[in-house]
Protein backbone atom coordinates (compact mmCIF):
# COMPACT_ATOMS: atom_id res chain seq x y z
CA UNK A 1 71.69 -63.07 -17.27
CA UNK A 2 68.30 -62.67 -19.12
CA UNK A 3 65.34 -64.77 -18.21
CA UNK A 4 61.87 -64.81 -19.80
CA UNK A 5 58.86 -64.87 -17.46
CA UNK A 6 56.19 -66.52 -19.55
CA UNK A 7 53.33 -65.91 -16.99
CA UNK A 8 54.08 -62.16 -17.07
CA UNK A 9 55.15 -62.06 -20.66
CA UNK A 10 58.34 -60.06 -20.12
CA UNK A 11 62.10 -60.23 -20.28
CA UNK A 12 63.82 -60.06 -17.01
CA UNK A 13 67.48 -58.81 -17.05
CA UNK A 14 68.67 -58.61 -13.38
CA UNK A 15 67.52 -54.98 -12.52
CA UNK A 16 65.76 -54.28 -15.77
CA UNK A 17 62.30 -55.40 -16.55
CA UNK A 18 60.92 -54.79 -19.99
CA UNK A 19 57.24 -55.16 -20.72
CA UNK A 20 56.51 -56.72 -24.18
CA UNK A 21 53.45 -54.86 -25.74
CA UNK A 22 50.66 -56.85 -27.26
CA UNK A 23 50.14 -56.05 -30.86
CA UNK A 24 46.88 -54.07 -31.56
CA UNK A 25 46.10 -55.94 -34.72
CA UNK A 26 46.25 -59.70 -34.37
CA UNK A 27 45.97 -60.05 -38.20
CA UNK A 28 49.18 -60.99 -39.91
CA UNK A 29 50.94 -58.24 -41.87
CA UNK A 30 50.99 -57.98 -45.65
CA UNK A 31 54.53 -59.08 -45.57
CA UNK A 32 53.86 -62.31 -43.61
CA UNK A 33 53.27 -64.45 -46.87
CA UNK A 34 56.55 -63.14 -48.27
CA UNK A 35 58.50 -64.02 -45.07
CA UNK A 36 56.90 -67.52 -44.97
CA UNK A 37 57.58 -67.97 -48.57
CA UNK A 38 61.23 -67.21 -48.16
CA UNK A 39 61.59 -69.45 -45.17
CA UNK A 40 59.88 -72.26 -47.16
CA UNK A 41 62.38 -71.75 -50.04
CA UNK A 42 65.24 -71.82 -47.51
CA UNK A 43 64.02 -75.11 -45.99
CA UNK A 44 63.54 -76.69 -49.38
CA UNK A 45 67.01 -75.56 -50.41
CA UNK A 46 68.56 -77.13 -47.24
CA UNK A 47 66.61 -80.28 -47.81
CA UNK A 48 67.75 -80.59 -51.35
CA UNK A 49 71.42 -79.95 -50.35
CA UNK A 50 71.25 -82.59 -47.64
CA UNK A 51 69.52 -85.04 -50.04
CA UNK A 52 72.54 -84.82 -52.36
CA UNK A 53 75.41 -84.45 -49.85
CA UNK A 54 74.34 -85.58 -46.49
CA UNK A 55 71.25 -87.81 -46.72
CA UNK A 56 71.77 -89.28 -43.25
CA UNK A 57 71.19 -85.80 -41.72
CA UNK A 58 67.70 -85.38 -43.12
CA UNK A 59 65.18 -85.84 -40.14
CA UNK A 60 61.45 -86.03 -39.88
CA UNK A 61 61.59 -82.57 -38.31
CA UNK A 62 62.93 -81.11 -41.67
CA UNK A 63 59.85 -82.54 -43.63
CA UNK A 64 57.51 -81.44 -40.87
CA UNK A 65 58.81 -77.81 -41.01
CA UNK A 66 58.53 -77.80 -44.84
CA UNK A 67 54.91 -79.03 -44.62
CA UNK A 68 53.94 -76.60 -41.84
CA UNK A 69 55.34 -73.69 -43.72
CA UNK A 70 53.62 -74.80 -46.97
CA UNK A 71 50.20 -75.17 -45.27
CA UNK A 72 50.55 -71.90 -43.36
CA UNK A 73 51.51 -70.16 -46.68
CA UNK A 74 48.24 -71.57 -48.31
CA UNK A 75 46.23 -70.24 -45.38
CA UNK A 76 47.71 -66.77 -45.68
CA UNK A 77 47.24 -66.66 -49.35
CA UNK A 78 43.67 -67.65 -48.91
CA UNK A 79 43.08 -64.72 -46.53
CA UNK A 80 44.68 -62.33 -49.06
CA UNK A 81 42.07 -63.04 -51.70
């Protein structure tokens, strides 16, 4: 069984302890906007599908995720310039 120790920032797997390294550069990578963009497209695609086929399954969380991804993408693109 694997547990995560948030205080020590490590995975604990019975007898094996793995230390998760801190990234040297806290700045997002150049691929970050592309990954966020693809995630945003996937969420919009999922929303449009649900809107046509299963409107009762659309939740506020779906819209919140789309909005958060959109806002974060704007921030990342602003940093890129």
